[in-house]
Amino acid sequence: MIRKNYCKAAALFIGSILLFSGCSIPENTGTEEDYTAIQGEDCQDEIYEQGKEVIERIRENDWEGEDVGFYSGQDNVSLDHKITVYKDQDFLYAVFGIQGGMSQLYGGDAYSVDGGDVWHIRDFHKPARMGDMYFLNGTFLEVEGIGTVETATPLISFDYGESYESIDCSEAERIAALPGIGGLIYAKAQFIDETGKTVGYDWYTAGSEIPFYSMEISYDTGEILNETDIYGLGESAEKYAESGYIFEDSSESYLNQEEVERRFFYETMITQDPACTAQEIRYAINEIYARKNYDFTGTEYEQYFQSKSWYSPAAGKTVQEEELNG
C-alpha cells in the first residue's frame, strides 16, 4: 500500500498538478460567493464554520502551515492529519478539525460531487481512534465507535459516505463479552484486495496487538465471506451468552483442568492484561456460591451477579463448605 502524504514542503506543488487515479484537483481560486455551502441537518455551527474554511483552502490551494494529506485509490487516510482530501473524478471529500476527547475523536467532513461548486458539510461520523478509513472507487470503508460504544464496528458505504451499512460482527462481540476479555474491542483492516474486491479485518481488544478474530468482507456487496475464531473461544462465548454462566456445568461435574487453563491462557494472551483473566477467575469461583443463593449485596460482585437472570440471592445467605458438593 503506497501512502502519499504532502506536508508544508509539498504545499507549493499543489497549485500545479496532482494526479489522483488520473485526475487532478480543480484550480478553483474564487471566493466564498462562488460556491454554495450546505450545512447538514445534524451539523454543529462550529463544524460548519470550520468546513467553510477548509473549502476555501481547497479552492484556493492555500495550504500554508497545514499538515495536509492527499490520497487516492486504496491509500489509508491518517486521522492524525489536520486536513485530509480525497478525489474521485468530480467527487471531492475533505476531513478536517480532528480533535480528541475521552478517546473519542470528533470533527467534520465536507464533500462535493460537482468538482467543488456545491459543498455539503457534516459532523464527522465518529471514526475509531485505532481504526482505518479507506476510499475505494466511491466505496468507503471505516471503523466507527471506540470510545463511544463497546464495539468499534466496521462500516461500508456505497454512496460516497451519504449512508453507511454496519457489518455484522456479532460473533466477535460475543467473544468480547466474556468476562476475561473485557468488552472493548476494535477492528483493523489488514488487507485490501482490489481484484477480488475484498477487505480483511482483524479484531483486537483495546490496548492489545494480538488479534482474536478475523473476517473477510466483500466491499462490493458488504457480504461476510469468511470468519475465523482464531483461538476457539466461540463455543465458550456462545454458552456464556445463552446461560450467563462462565462454566455452565461447574455445579454438576468437575471441570477439565486442561481446557480451563487453555481458555485462561488464550484470554490473557489476547488482552495482554492478566488482570482481566484474574477477574474472570474470581467470578467463576464465586459463581459456584451464587448458584447456592449466596447474598453478594454490598460486595464487589453484587452488580455482576445481579445482571444474571439465573441469580436469586436469599437475603443474608452464606454458603457452608458442605453445601458446595451437595
C-alpha atoms as a PDB file:
ATOM      1  CA  MET A   1       0.000   0.000   0.000  1.00  0.00           C
ATOM      2  CA  ILE A   2       1.536   3.297  -1.084  1.00  0.00           C
ATOM      3  CA  ARG A   3       0.786   6.253   1.106  1.00  0.00           C
ATOM      4  CA  LYS A   4       1.021   9.843  -0.227  1.00  0.00           C
ATOM      5  CA  ASN A   5       1.480  12.474   2.467  1.00  0.00           C
ATOM      6  CA  TYR A   6       2.148  16.018   1.396  1.00  0.00           C
ATOM      7  CA  CYS A   7       3.025  18.414   4.213  1.00  0.00           C
ATOM      8  CA  LYS A   8       4.254  22.008   4.159  1.00  0.00           C
ATOM      9  CA  ALA A   9       7.136  21.327   1.783  1.00  0.00           C
ATOM     10  CA  ALA A  10       4.743  19.893  -0.769  1.00  0.00           C
ATOM     11  CA  ALA A  11       2.206  22.703  -0.470  1.00  0.00           C
ATOM     12  CA  LEU A  12       3.861  24.789  -3.185  1.00  0.00           C
ATOM     13  CA  PHE A  13       3.437  21.920  -5.596  1.00  0.00           C
ATOM     14  CA  ILE A  14      -0.284  21.508  -5.023  1.00  0.00           C
ATOM     15  CA  GLY A  15      -1.121  24.543  -7.136  1.00  0.00           C
ATOM     16  CA  SER A  16       0.328  22.900 -10.237  1.00  0.00           C
ATOM     17  CA  ILE A  17      -0.738  19.288 -10.894  1.00  0.00           C
ATOM     18  CA  LEU A  18      -1.621  16.493  -8.512  1.00  0.00           C
ATOM     19  CA  LEU A  19      -2.865  13.274 -10.052  1.00  0.00           C
ATOM     20  CA  PHE A  20      -5.370  11.019  -8.310  1.00  0.00           C
ATOM     21  CA  SER A  21      -6.107   7.950 -10.343  1.00  0.00           C
ATOM     22  CA  GLY A  22      -5.602  10.031 -13.492  1.00  0.00           C
ATOM     23  CA  CYS A  23      -7.431  13.149 -12.240  1.00  0.00           C
ATOM     24  CA  SER A  24      -6.217  16.478 -10.899  1.00  0.00           C
ATOM     25  CA  ILE A  25      -7.564  18.846  -8.252  1.00  0.00           C
ATOM     26  CA  PRO A  26      -9.568  21.635  -9.965  1.00  0.00           C
ATOM     27  CA  GLU A  27      -7.864  25.043  -9.910  1.00  0.00           C
ATOM     28  CA  ASN A  28     -10.716  26.866  -8.167  1.00  0.00           C
ATOM     29  CA  THR A  29      -9.459  30.256  -7.000  1.00  0.00           C
ATOM     30  CA  GLY A  30     -12.747  32.018  -6.274  1.00  0.00           C
ATOM     31  CA  THR A  31     -14.175  33.383  -3.052  1.00  0.00           C
ATOM     32  CA  GLU A  32     -16.950  32.067  -0.841  1.00  0.00           C
ATOM     33  CA  GLU A  33     -19.586  33.688  -3.045  1.00  0.00           C
ATOM     34  CA  ASP A  34     -18.533  31.444  -5.931  1.00  0.00           C
ATOM     35  CA  TYR A  35     -19.809  28.262  -4.290  1.00  0.00           C
ATOM     36  CA  THR A  36     -22.695  27.038  -2.180  1.00  0.00           C
ATOM     37  CA  ALA A  37     -22.017  25.563   1.258  1.00  0.00           C
ATOM     38  CA  ILE A  38     -24.872  23.449   2.624  1.00  0.00           C
ATOM     39  CA  GLN A  39     -24.999  22.740   6.348  1.00  0.00           C
ATOM     40  CA  GLY A  40     -26.008  19.186   7.192  1.00  0.00           C
ATOM     41  CA  GLU A  41     -29.102  18.574   9.300  1.00  0.00           C
ATOM     42  CA  ASP A  42     -27.104  17.422  12.336  1.00  0.00           C
ATOM     43  CA  CYS A  43     -24.042  19.582  11.701  1.00  0.00           C
ATOM     44  CA  GLN A  44     -22.918  21.818  14.550  1.00  0.00           C
ATOM     45  CA  ASP A  45     -22.364  25.508  13.779  1.00  0.00           C
ATOM     46  CA  GLU A  46     -18.708  25.220  14.808  1.00  0.00           C
ATOM     47  CA  ILE A  47     -18.176  22.374  12.345  1.00  0.00           C
ATOM     48  CA  TYR A  48     -19.959  24.336   9.624  1.00  0.00           C
ATOM     49  CA  GLU A  49     -17.635  27.332  10.052  1.00  0.00           C
ATOM     50  CA  GLN A  50     -14.553  25.096  10.077  1.00  0.00           C
ATOM     51  CA  GLY A  51     -15.846  23.391   6.952  1.00  0.00           C
ATOM     52  CA  LYS A  52     -16.180  26.662   5.063  1.00  0.00           C
ATOM     53  CA  GLU A  53     -12.562  27.490   5.900  1.00  0.00           C
ATOM     54  CA  VAL A  54     -11.457  24.094   4.601  1.00  0.00           C
ATOM     55  CA  ILE A  55     -13.440  24.569   1.384  1.00  0.00           C
ATOM     56  CA  GLU A  56     -11.818  27.938   0.716  1.00  0.00           C
ATOM     57  CA  ARG A  57      -8.356  26.482   1.207  1.00  0.00           C
ATOM     58  CA  ILE A  58      -9.121  23.628  -1.160  1.00  0.00           C
ATOM     59  CA  ARG A  59     -10.444  26.021  -3.809  1.00  0.00           C
ATOM     60  CA  GLU A  60      -7.586  28.489  -3.422  1.00  0.00           C
ATOM     61  CA  ASN A  61      -4.864  25.849  -2.968  1.00  0.00           C
ATOM     62  CA  ASP A  62      -3.870  27.673   0.205  1.00  0.00           C
ATOM     63  CA  TRP A  63      -2.297  25.050   2.449  1.00  0.00           C
ATOM     64  CA  GLU A  64       0.483  27.105   4.013  1.00  0.00           C
ATOM     65  CA  GLY A  65       1.195  25.906   7.541  1.00  0.00           C
ATOM     66  CA  GLU A  66      -1.194  22.971   7.350  1.00  0.00           C
ATOM     67  CA  ASP A  67      -0.361  19.308   7.695  1.00  0.00           C
ATOM     68  CA  VAL A  68      -2.215  18.013   4.658  1.00  0.00           C
ATOM     69  CA  GLY A  69      -2.694  14.583   3.129  1.00  0.00           C
ATOM     70  CA  PHE A  70      -3.917  13.760  -0.386  1.00  0.00           C
ATOM     71  CA  TYR A  71      -4.977  10.215  -1.050  1.00  0.00           C
ATOM     72  CA  SER A  72      -6.139   8.042  -3.899  1.00  0.00           C
ATOM     73  CA  GLY A  73      -7.302   4.502  -4.563  1.00  0.00           C
ATOM     74  CA  GLN A  74      -6.741   2.305  -1.519  1.00  0.00           C
ATOM     75  CA  ASP A  75      -4.496   4.667   0.438  1.00  0.00           C
ATOM     76  CA  ASN A  76      -5.125   4.733   4.158  1.00  0.00           C
ATOM     77  CA  VAL A  77      -6.383   8.041   5.485  1.00  0.00           C
ATOM     78  CA  SER A  78      -4.405   9.091   8.515  1.00  0.00           C
ATOM     79  CA  LEU A  79      -6.720  10.689  11.045  1.00  0.00           C
ATOM     80  CA  ASP A  80      -3.748  12.353  12.726  1.00  0.00           C
ATOM     81  CA  HIS A  81      -3.684  14.969   9.984  1.00  0.00           C
ATOM     82  CA  LYS A  82      -5.394  18.319  10.352  1.00  0.00           C
ATOM     83  CA  ILE A  83      -6.896  18.060   6.863  1.00  0.00           C
ATOM     84  CA  THR A  84      -7.171  15.102   4.510  1.00  0.00           C
ATOM     85  CA  VAL A  85      -8.536  15.281   0.980  1.00  0.00           C
ATOM     86  CA  TYR A  86      -9.691  12.607  -1.444  1.00  0.00           C
ATOM     87  CA  LYS A  87     -10.695  12.982  -5.088  1.00  0.00           C
ATOM     88  CA  ASP A  88     -12.559  10.572  -7.365  1.00  0.00           C
ATOM     89  CA  GLN A  89     -13.486  12.138 -10.687  1.00  0.00           C
ATOM     90  CA  ASP A  90     -15.642  15.172  -9.758  1.00  0.00           C
ATOM     91  CA  PHE A  91     -16.133  13.983  -6.208  1.00  0.00           C
ATOM     92  CA  LEU A  92     -14.078  15.776  -3.534  1.00  0.00           C
ATOM     93  CA  TYR A  93     -14.019  14.736   0.110  1.00  0.00           C
ATOM     94  CA  ALA A  94     -12.264  16.507   2.992  1.00  0.00           C
ATOM     95  CA  VAL A  95     -11.821  15.501   6.624  1.00  0.00           C
ATOM     96  CA  PHE A  96     -10.879  18.324   8.977  1.00  0.00           C
ATOM     97  CA  GLY A  97     -10.598  19.519  12.542  1.00  0.00           C
ATOM     98  CA  ILE A  98      -9.960  16.140  14.122  1.00  0.00           C
ATOM     99  CA  GLN A  99      -9.774  16.561  17.886  1.00  0.00           C
ATOM    100  CA  GLY A 100      -9.671  14.198  20.832  1.00  0.00           C
ATOM    101  CA  GLY A 101     -11.899  13.944  23.868  1.00  0.00           C
ATOM    102  CA  MET A 102     -12.125  10.960  26.243  1.00  0.00           C
ATOM    103  CA  SER A 103     -10.748   8.696  23.492  1.00  0.00           C
ATOM    104  CA  GLN A 104     -13.466   9.882  21.098  1.00  0.00           C
ATOM    105  CA  LEU A 105     -12.386  11.775  18.006  1.00  0.00           C
ATOM    106  CA  TYR A 106     -14.681  14.324  16.512  1.00  0.00           C
ATOM    107  CA  GLY A 107     -14.540  16.846  13.725  1.00  0.00           C
ATOM    108  CA  GLY A 108     -16.202  17.369  10.385  1.00  0.00           C
ATOM    109  CA  ASP A 109     -16.250  16.355   6.768  1.00  0.00           C
ATOM    110  CA  ALA A 110     -17.139  18.233   3.621  1.00  0.00           C
ATOM    111  CA  TYR A 111     -17.907  16.735   0.241  1.00  0.00           C
ATOM    112  CA  SER A 112     -18.713  17.922  -3.247  1.00  0.00           C
ATOM    113  CA  VAL A 113     -19.991  15.902  -6.186  1.00  0.00           C
ATOM    114  CA  ASP A 114     -19.517  18.621  -8.811  1.00  0.00           C
ATOM    115  CA  GLY A 115     -15.812  19.397  -8.554  1.00  0.00           C
ATOM    116  CA  GLY A 116     -16.151  21.976  -5.801  1.00  0.00           C
ATOM    117  CA  ASP A 117     -19.042  24.297  -6.708  1.00  0.00           C
ATOM    118  CA  VAL A 118     -21.513  22.925  -4.144  1.00  0.00           C
ATOM    119  CA  TRP A 119     -20.290  21.586  -0.808  1.00  0.00           C
ATOM    120  CA  HIS A 120     -22.154  19.648   1.883  1.00  0.00           C
ATOM    121  CA  ILE A 121     -20.766  19.976   5.406  1.00  0.00           C
ATOM    122  CA  ARG A 122     -21.484  17.496   8.184  1.00  0.00           C
ATOM    123  CA  ASP A 123     -20.342  16.422  11.609  1.00  0.00           C
ATOM    124  CA  PHE A 124     -17.846  13.626  11.259  1.00  0.00           C
ATOM    125  CA  HIS A 125     -19.205  10.118  11.811  1.00  0.00           C
ATOM    126  CA  LYS A 126     -17.079   9.194  14.835  1.00  0.00           C
ATOM    127  CA  PRO A 127     -14.143   7.272  13.369  1.00  0.00           C
ATOM    128  CA  ALA A 128     -12.458   4.837  15.720  1.00  0.00           C
ATOM    129  CA  ARG A 129      -9.252   6.115  17.248  1.00  0.00           C
ATOM    130  CA  MET A 130      -7.449   2.898  16.339  1.00  0.00           C
ATOM    131  CA  GLY A 131      -9.346   2.183  13.143  1.00  0.00           C
ATOM    132  CA  ASP A 132      -8.782   2.850   9.470  1.00  0.00           C
ATOM    133  CA  MET A 133     -10.622   4.581   6.671  1.00  0.00           C
ATOM    134  CA  TYR A 134     -10.311   3.564   3.025  1.00  0.00           C
ATOM    135  CA  PHE A 135     -11.683   5.007  -0.196  1.00  0.00           C
ATOM    136  CA  LEU A 136     -12.162   2.507  -2.994  1.00  0.00           C
ATOM    137  CA  ASN A 137     -13.628   3.964  -6.166  1.00  0.00           C
ATOM    138  CA  GLY A 138     -16.611   5.504  -4.445  1.00  0.00           C
ATOM    139  CA  THR A 139     -16.910   2.876  -1.715  1.00  0.00           C
ATOM    140  CA  PHE A 140     -15.940   3.988   1.785  1.00  0.00           C
ATOM    141  CA  LEU A 141     -14.733   1.590   4.455  1.00  0.00           C
ATOM    142  CA  GLU A 142     -14.211   2.730   8.007  1.00  0.00           C
ATOM    143  CA  VAL A 143     -14.395   1.636  11.612  1.00  0.00           C
ATOM    144  CA  GLU A 144     -16.685   3.542  13.941  1.00  0.00           C
ATOM    145  CA  GLY A 145     -17.092   3.869  17.615  1.00  0.00           C
ATOM    146  CA  ILE A 146     -14.280   3.026  20.012  1.00  0.00           C
ATOM    147  CA  GLY A 147     -14.531   5.338  22.986  1.00  0.00           C
ATOM    148  CA  THR A 148     -18.263   5.787  22.420  1.00  0.00           C
ATOM    149  CA  VAL A 149     -19.527   2.202  22.324  1.00  0.00           C
ATOM    150  CA  GLU A 150     -18.134  -1.135  23.440  1.00  0.00           C
ATOM    151  CA  THR A 151     -17.511  -2.370  19.917  1.00  0.00           C
ATOM    152  CA  ALA A 152     -15.918  -0.399  17.123  1.00  0.00           C
ATOM    153  CA  THR A 153     -17.945  -1.557  14.128  1.00  0.00           C
ATOM    154  CA  PRO A 154     -16.751  -1.784  10.505  1.00  0.00           C
ATOM    155  CA  LEU A 155     -18.953   0.311   8.227  1.00  0.00           C
ATOM    156  CA  ILE A 156     -19.310   0.324   4.456  1.00  0.00           C
ATOM    157  CA  SER A 157     -20.798   2.994   2.204  1.00  0.00           C
ATOM    158  CA  PHE A 158     -21.654   2.645  -1.476  1.00  0.00           C
ATOM    159  CA  ASP A 159     -22.665   6.288  -1.965  1.00  0.00           C
ATOM    160  CA  TYR A 160     -19.610   8.337  -1.031  1.00  0.00           C
ATOM    161  CA  GLY A 161     -20.425   8.377   2.654  1.00  0.00           C
ATOM    162  CA  GLU A 162     -24.028   9.557   2.407  1.00  0.00           C
ATOM    163  CA  SER A 163     -25.194   6.434   4.206  1.00  0.00           C
ATOM    164  CA  TYR A 164     -23.448   3.529   5.882  1.00  0.00           C
ATOM    165  CA  GLU A 165     -24.195  -0.143   6.456  1.00  0.00           C
ATOM    166  CA  SER A 166     -22.846  -1.856   9.555  1.00  0.00           C
ATOM    167  CA  ILE A 167     -21.002  -5.126   9.136  1.00  0.00           C
ATOM    168  CA  ASP A 168     -22.448  -7.872  11.347  1.00  0.00           C
ATOM    169  CA  CYS A 169     -19.764  -8.502  13.972  1.00  0.00           C
ATOM    170  CA  SER A 170     -21.938 -10.358  16.493  1.00  0.00           C
ATOM    171  CA  GLU A 171     -19.599 -13.369  16.661  1.00  0.00           C
ATOM    172  CA  ALA A 172     -16.642 -11.213  17.660  1.00  0.00           C
ATOM    173  CA  GLU A 173     -18.852  -9.262  20.073  1.00  0.00           C
ATOM    174  CA  ARG A 174     -19.954 -12.473  21.751  1.00  0.00           C
ATOM    175  CA  ILE A 175     -16.338 -13.440  22.441  1.00  0.00           C
ATOM    176  CA  ALA A 176     -15.629  -9.919  23.662  1.00  0.00           C
ATOM    177  CA  ALA A 177     -18.475 -10.292  26.187  1.00  0.00           C
ATOM    178  CA  LEU A 178     -16.563 -12.977  28.083  1.00  0.00           C
ATOM    179  CA  PRO A 179     -15.563 -11.505  31.466  1.00  0.00           C
ATOM    180  CA  GLY A 180     -11.917 -12.298  30.762  1.00  0.00           C
ATOM    181  CA  ILE A 181     -11.925 -10.265  27.545  1.00  0.00           C
ATOM    182  CA  GLY A 182     -13.388  -7.067  28.891  1.00  0.00           C
ATOM    183  CA  GLY A 183     -15.778  -5.931  26.142  1.00  0.00           C
ATOM    184  CA  LEU A 184     -13.944  -3.024  24.475  1.00  0.00           C
ATOM    185  CA  ILE A 185     -12.792  -4.232  21.045  1.00  0.00           C
ATOM    186  CA  TYR A 186     -11.992  -2.786  17.634  1.00  0.00           C
ATOM    187  CA  ALA A 187     -11.380  -3.979  14.089  1.00  0.00           C
ATOM    188  CA  LYS A 188      -8.433  -3.054  11.917  1.00  0.00           C
ATOM    189  CA  ALA A 189      -8.177  -3.614   8.176  1.00  0.00           C
ATOM    190  CA  GLN A 190      -5.286  -5.948   7.347  1.00  0.00           C
ATOM    191  CA  PHE A 191      -5.511  -6.117   3.572  1.00  0.00           C
ATOM    192  CA  ILE A 192      -7.417  -4.757   0.601  1.00  0.00           C
ATOM    193  CA  ASP A 193      -7.761  -6.976  -2.481  1.00  0.00           C
ATOM    194  CA  GLU A 194      -8.907  -4.794  -5.356  1.00  0.00           C
ATOM    195  CA  THR A 195      -9.013  -7.740  -7.768  1.00  0.00           C
ATOM    196  CA  GLY A 196     -11.292  -9.817  -5.566  1.00  0.00           C
ATOM    197  CA  LYS A 197     -12.918  -6.710  -4.086  1.00  0.00           C
ATOM    198  CA  THR A 198     -12.396  -7.949  -0.549  1.00  0.00           C
ATOM    199  CA  VAL A 199     -11.125  -6.454   2.689  1.00  0.00           C
ATOM    200  CA  GLY A 200      -9.780  -8.407   5.641  1.00  0.00           C
ATOM    201  CA  TYR A 201     -10.362  -7.240   9.223  1.00  0.00           C
ATOM    202  CA  ASP A 202      -8.705  -8.490  12.389  1.00  0.00           C
ATOM    203  CA  TRP A 203     -10.335  -7.908  15.764  1.00  0.00           C
ATOM    204  CA  TYR A 204      -8.421  -6.804  18.847  1.00  0.00           C
ATOM    205  CA  THR A 205      -9.145  -5.853  22.431  1.00  0.00           C
ATOM    206  CA  ALA A 206      -8.374  -2.250  23.308  1.00  0.00           C
ATOM    207  CA  GLY A 207      -4.699  -1.864  24.163  1.00  0.00           C
ATOM    208  CA  SER A 208      -3.646  -5.213  22.671  1.00  0.00           C
ATOM    209  CA  GLU A 209      -1.840  -6.099  19.454  1.00  0.00           C
ATOM    210  CA  ILE A 210      -2.923  -9.758  19.407  1.00  0.00           C
ATOM    211  CA  PRO A 211      -5.956 -10.417  17.156  1.00  0.00           C
ATOM    212  CA  PHE A 212      -8.581 -12.869  18.370  1.00  0.00           C
ATOM    213  CA  TYR A 213     -10.966 -12.875  15.401  1.00  0.00           C
ATOM    214  CA  SER A 214     -10.740 -12.251  11.679  1.00  0.00           C
ATOM    215  CA  MET A 215     -13.249 -11.522   8.919  1.00  0.00           C
ATOM    216  CA  GLU A 216     -13.084 -11.274   5.146  1.00  0.00           C
ATOM    217  CA  ILE A 217     -15.713  -8.978   3.634  1.00  0.00           C
ATOM    218  CA  SER A 218     -16.744  -8.186   0.085  1.00  0.00           C
ATOM    219  CA  TYR A 219     -16.568  -4.414  -0.172  1.00  0.00           C
ATOM    220  CA  ASP A 220     -18.549  -4.731  -3.393  1.00  0.00           C
ATOM    221  CA  THR A 221     -21.622  -6.182  -1.644  1.00  0.00           C
ATOM    222  CA  GLY A 222     -20.907  -5.933   2.085  1.00  0.00           C
ATOM    223  CA  GLU A 223     -21.247  -9.727   2.410  1.00  0.00           C
ATOM    224  CA  ILE A 224     -19.135 -11.529   5.019  1.00  0.00           C
ATOM    225  CA  LEU A 225     -17.187 -14.166   3.088  1.00  0.00           C
ATOM    226  CA  ASN A 226     -15.229 -15.790   5.876  1.00  0.00           C
ATOM    227  CA  GLU A 227     -14.895 -15.624   9.672  1.00  0.00           C
ATOM    228  CA  THR A 228     -12.201 -17.198  11.846  1.00  0.00           C
ATOM    229  CA  ASP A 229     -12.384 -17.704  15.600  1.00  0.00           C
ATOM    230  CA  ILE A 230      -8.606 -17.742  15.976  1.00  0.00           C
ATOM    231  CA  TYR A 231      -8.349 -19.253  19.473  1.00  0.00           C
ATOM    232  CA  GLY A 232     -11.560 -21.234  19.587  1.00  0.00           C
ATOM    233  CA  LEU A 233     -13.297 -19.153  22.246  1.00  0.00           C
ATOM    234  CA  GLY A 234     -16.538 -19.007  20.294  1.00  0.00           C
ATOM    235  CA  GLU A 235     -18.112 -22.083  21.910  1.00  0.00           C
ATOM    236  CA  SER A 236     -17.447 -20.803  25.444  1.00  0.00           C
ATOM    237  CA  ALA A 237     -18.738 -17.384  24.423  1.00  0.00           C
ATOM    238  CA  GLU A 238     -21.927 -18.849  22.966  1.00  0.00           C
ATOM    239  CA  LYS A 239     -22.643 -20.808  26.133  1.00  0.00           C
ATOM    240  CA  TYR A 240     -21.997 -17.730  28.249  1.00  0.00           C
ATOM    241  CA  ALA A 241     -24.333 -15.645  26.099  1.00  0.00           C
ATOM    242  CA  GLU A 242     -27.106 -18.251  26.347  1.00  0.00           C
ATOM    243  CA  SER A 243     -26.842 -19.235  30.007  1.00  0.00           C
ATOM    244  CA  GLY A 244     -24.974 -16.439  31.764  1.00  0.00           C
ATOM    245  CA  TYR A 245     -22.650 -18.986  33.383  1.00  0.00           C
ATOM    246  CA  ILE A 246     -18.874 -18.831  32.937  1.00  0.00           C
ATOM    247  CA  PHE A 247     -18.774 -22.611  33.425  1.00  0.00           C
ATOM    248  CA  GLU A 248     -22.257 -23.921  32.870  1.00  0.00           C
ATOM    249  CA  ASP A 249     -21.655 -27.390  34.364  1.00  0.00           C
ATOM    250  CA  SER A 250     -19.443 -26.395  37.288  1.00  0.00           C
ATOM    251  CA  SER A 251     -22.192 -27.268  39.796  1.00  0.00           C
ATOM    252  CA  GLU A 252     -22.694 -30.743  38.368  1.00  0.00           C
ATOM    253  CA  SER A 253     -19.314 -32.052  37.245  1.00  0.00           C
ATOM    254  CA  TYR A 254     -15.599 -31.489  37.657  1.00  0.00           C
ATOM    255  CA  LEU A 255     -14.044 -29.040  35.241  1.00  0.00           C
ATOM    256  CA  ASN A 256     -11.464 -30.211  32.730  1.00  0.00           C
ATOM    257  CA  GLN A 257      -8.280 -28.614  34.037  1.00  0.00           C
ATOM    258  CA  GLU A 258      -6.546 -28.585  30.652  1.00  0.00           C
ATOM    259  CA  GLU A 259      -9.490 -26.869  28.932  1.00  0.00           C
ATOM    260  CA  VAL A 260      -9.816 -24.294  31.712  1.00  0.00           C
ATOM    261  CA  GLU A 261      -6.112 -23.486  31.660  1.00  0.00           C
ATOM    262  CA  ARG A 262      -6.132 -23.205  27.863  1.00  0.00           C
ATOM    263  CA  ARG A 263      -9.061 -20.798  27.936  1.00  0.00           C
ATOM    264  CA  PHE A 264      -7.487 -18.550  30.556  1.00  0.00           C
ATOM    265  CA  PHE A 265      -4.137 -18.664  28.766  1.00  0.00           C
ATOM    266  CA  TYR A 266      -5.706 -17.525  25.483  1.00  0.00           C
ATOM    267  CA  GLU A 267      -7.721 -14.789  27.152  1.00  0.00           C
ATOM    268  CA  THR A 268      -4.621 -13.434  28.872  1.00  0.00           C
ATOM    269  CA  MET A 269      -2.667 -13.545  25.623  1.00  0.00           C
ATOM    270  CA  ILE A 270      -5.437 -11.789  23.680  1.00  0.00           C
ATOM    271  CA  THR A 271      -5.940  -8.954  26.151  1.00  0.00           C
ATOM    272  CA  GLN A 272      -2.296  -8.770  27.257  1.00  0.00           C
ATOM    273  CA  ASP A 273      -3.790  -7.968  30.641  1.00  0.00           C
ATOM    274  CA  PRO A 274      -3.650 -10.703  33.318  1.00  0.00           C
ATOM    275  CA  ALA A 275      -5.972  -8.612  35.499  1.00  0.00           C
ATOM    276  CA  CYS A 276      -8.913  -9.358  33.168  1.00  0.00           C
ATOM    277  CA  THR A 277      -8.300 -13.088  33.418  1.00  0.00           C
ATOM    278  CA  ALA A 278      -7.880 -12.885  37.194  1.00  0.00           C
ATOM    279  CA  GLN A 279     -11.219 -11.094  37.414  1.00  0.00           C
ATOM    280  CA  GLU A 280     -12.956 -13.830  35.422  1.00  0.00           C
ATOM    281  CA  ILE A 281     -11.427 -16.497  37.659  1.00  0.00           C
ATOM    282  CA  ARG A 282     -12.840 -14.722  40.716  1.00  0.00           C
ATOM    283  CA  TYR A 283     -16.248 -14.525  39.043  1.00  0.00           C
ATOM    284  CA  ALA A 284     -16.065 -18.234  38.183  1.00  0.00           C
ATOM    285  CA  ILE A 285     -15.239 -19.202  41.775  1.00  0.00           C
ATOM    286  CA  ASN A 286     -17.995 -17.036  43.214  1.00  0.00           C
ATOM    287  CA  GLU A 287     -20.385 -18.299  40.547  1.00  0.00           C
ATOM    288  CA  ILE A 288     -20.444 -21.589  42.467  1.00  0.00           C
ATOM    289  CA  TYR A 289     -21.563 -19.747  45.605  1.00  0.00           C
ATOM    290  CA  ALA A 290     -24.067 -17.658  43.639  1.00  0.00           C
ATOM    291  CA  ARG A 291     -25.741 -20.865  42.432  1.00  0.00           C
ATOM    292  CA  LYS A 292     -26.370 -21.637  46.099  1.00  0.00           C
ATOM    293  CA  ASN A 293     -28.136 -18.283  46.537  1.00  0.00           C
ATOM    294  CA  TYR A 294     -25.241 -16.585  48.309  1.00  0.00           C
ATOM    295  CA  ASP A 295     -26.079 -12.937  49.035  1.00  0.00           C
ATOM    296  CA  PHE A 296     -23.401 -10.707  47.466  1.00  0.00           C
ATOM    297  CA  THR A 297     -25.139  -7.476  48.490  1.00  0.00           C
ATOM    298  CA  GLY A 298     -22.574  -4.796  49.308  1.00  0.00           C
ATOM    299  CA  THR A 299     -19.666  -6.701  47.765  1.00  0.00           C
ATOM    300  CA  GLU A 300     -17.711  -6.069  44.578  1.00  0.00           C
ATOM    301  CA  TYR A 301     -19.574  -8.988  42.969  1.00  0.00           C
ATOM    302  CA  GLU A 302     -23.081  -7.697  43.583  1.00  0.00           C
ATOM    303  CA  GLN A 303     -23.511  -5.837  40.285  1.00  0.00           C
ATOM    304  CA  TYR A 304     -22.090  -8.672  38.191  1.00  0.00           C
ATOM    305  CA  PHE A 305     -24.352 -11.372  39.610  1.00  0.00           C
ATOM    306  CA  GLN A 306     -27.419  -9.130  39.761  1.00  0.00           C
ATOM    307  CA  SER A 307     -27.096  -8.860  35.962  1.00  0.00           C
ATOM    308  CA  LYS A 308     -27.583 -12.632  35.601  1.00  0.00           C
ATOM    309  CA  SER A 309     -31.139 -13.902  35.132  1.00  0.00           C
ATOM    310  CA  TRP A 310     -30.380 -17.131  36.983  1.00  0.00           C
ATOM    311  CA  TYR A 311     -29.156 -15.421  40.180  1.00  0.00           C
ATOM    312  CA  SER A 312     -31.674 -15.448  43.021  1.00  0.00           C
ATOM    313  CA  PRO A 313     -29.993 -14.432  46.298  1.00  0.00           C
ATOM    314  CA  ALA A 314     -31.505 -15.169  49.671  1.00  0.00           C
ATOM    315  CA  ALA A 315     -31.174 -12.170  51.966  1.00  0.00           C
ATOM    316  CA  GLY A 316     -28.178 -12.597  54.269  1.00  0.00           C
ATOM    317  CA  LYS A 317     -27.456 -16.082  52.907  1.00  0.00           C
ATOM    318  CA  THR A 318     -23.956 -17.503  53.256  1.00  0.00           C
ATOM    319  CA  VAL A 319     -22.795 -20.846  51.944  1.00  0.00           C
ATOM    320  CA  GLN A 320     -21.199 -23.551  54.056  1.00  0.00           C
ATOM    321  CA  GLU A 321     -18.496 -25.786  52.654  1.00  0.00           C
ATOM    322  CA  GLU A 322     -20.625 -28.910  52.934  1.00  0.00           C
ATOM    323  CA  GLU A 323     -23.204 -27.295  50.602  1.00  0.00           C
ATOM    324  CA  LEU A 324     -20.754 -26.998  47.728  1.00  0.00           C
ATOM    325  CA  ASN A 325     -20.715 -30.705  46.959  1.00  0.00           C
ATOM    326  CA  GLY A 326     -24.397 -31.189  47.556  1.00  0.00           C
END
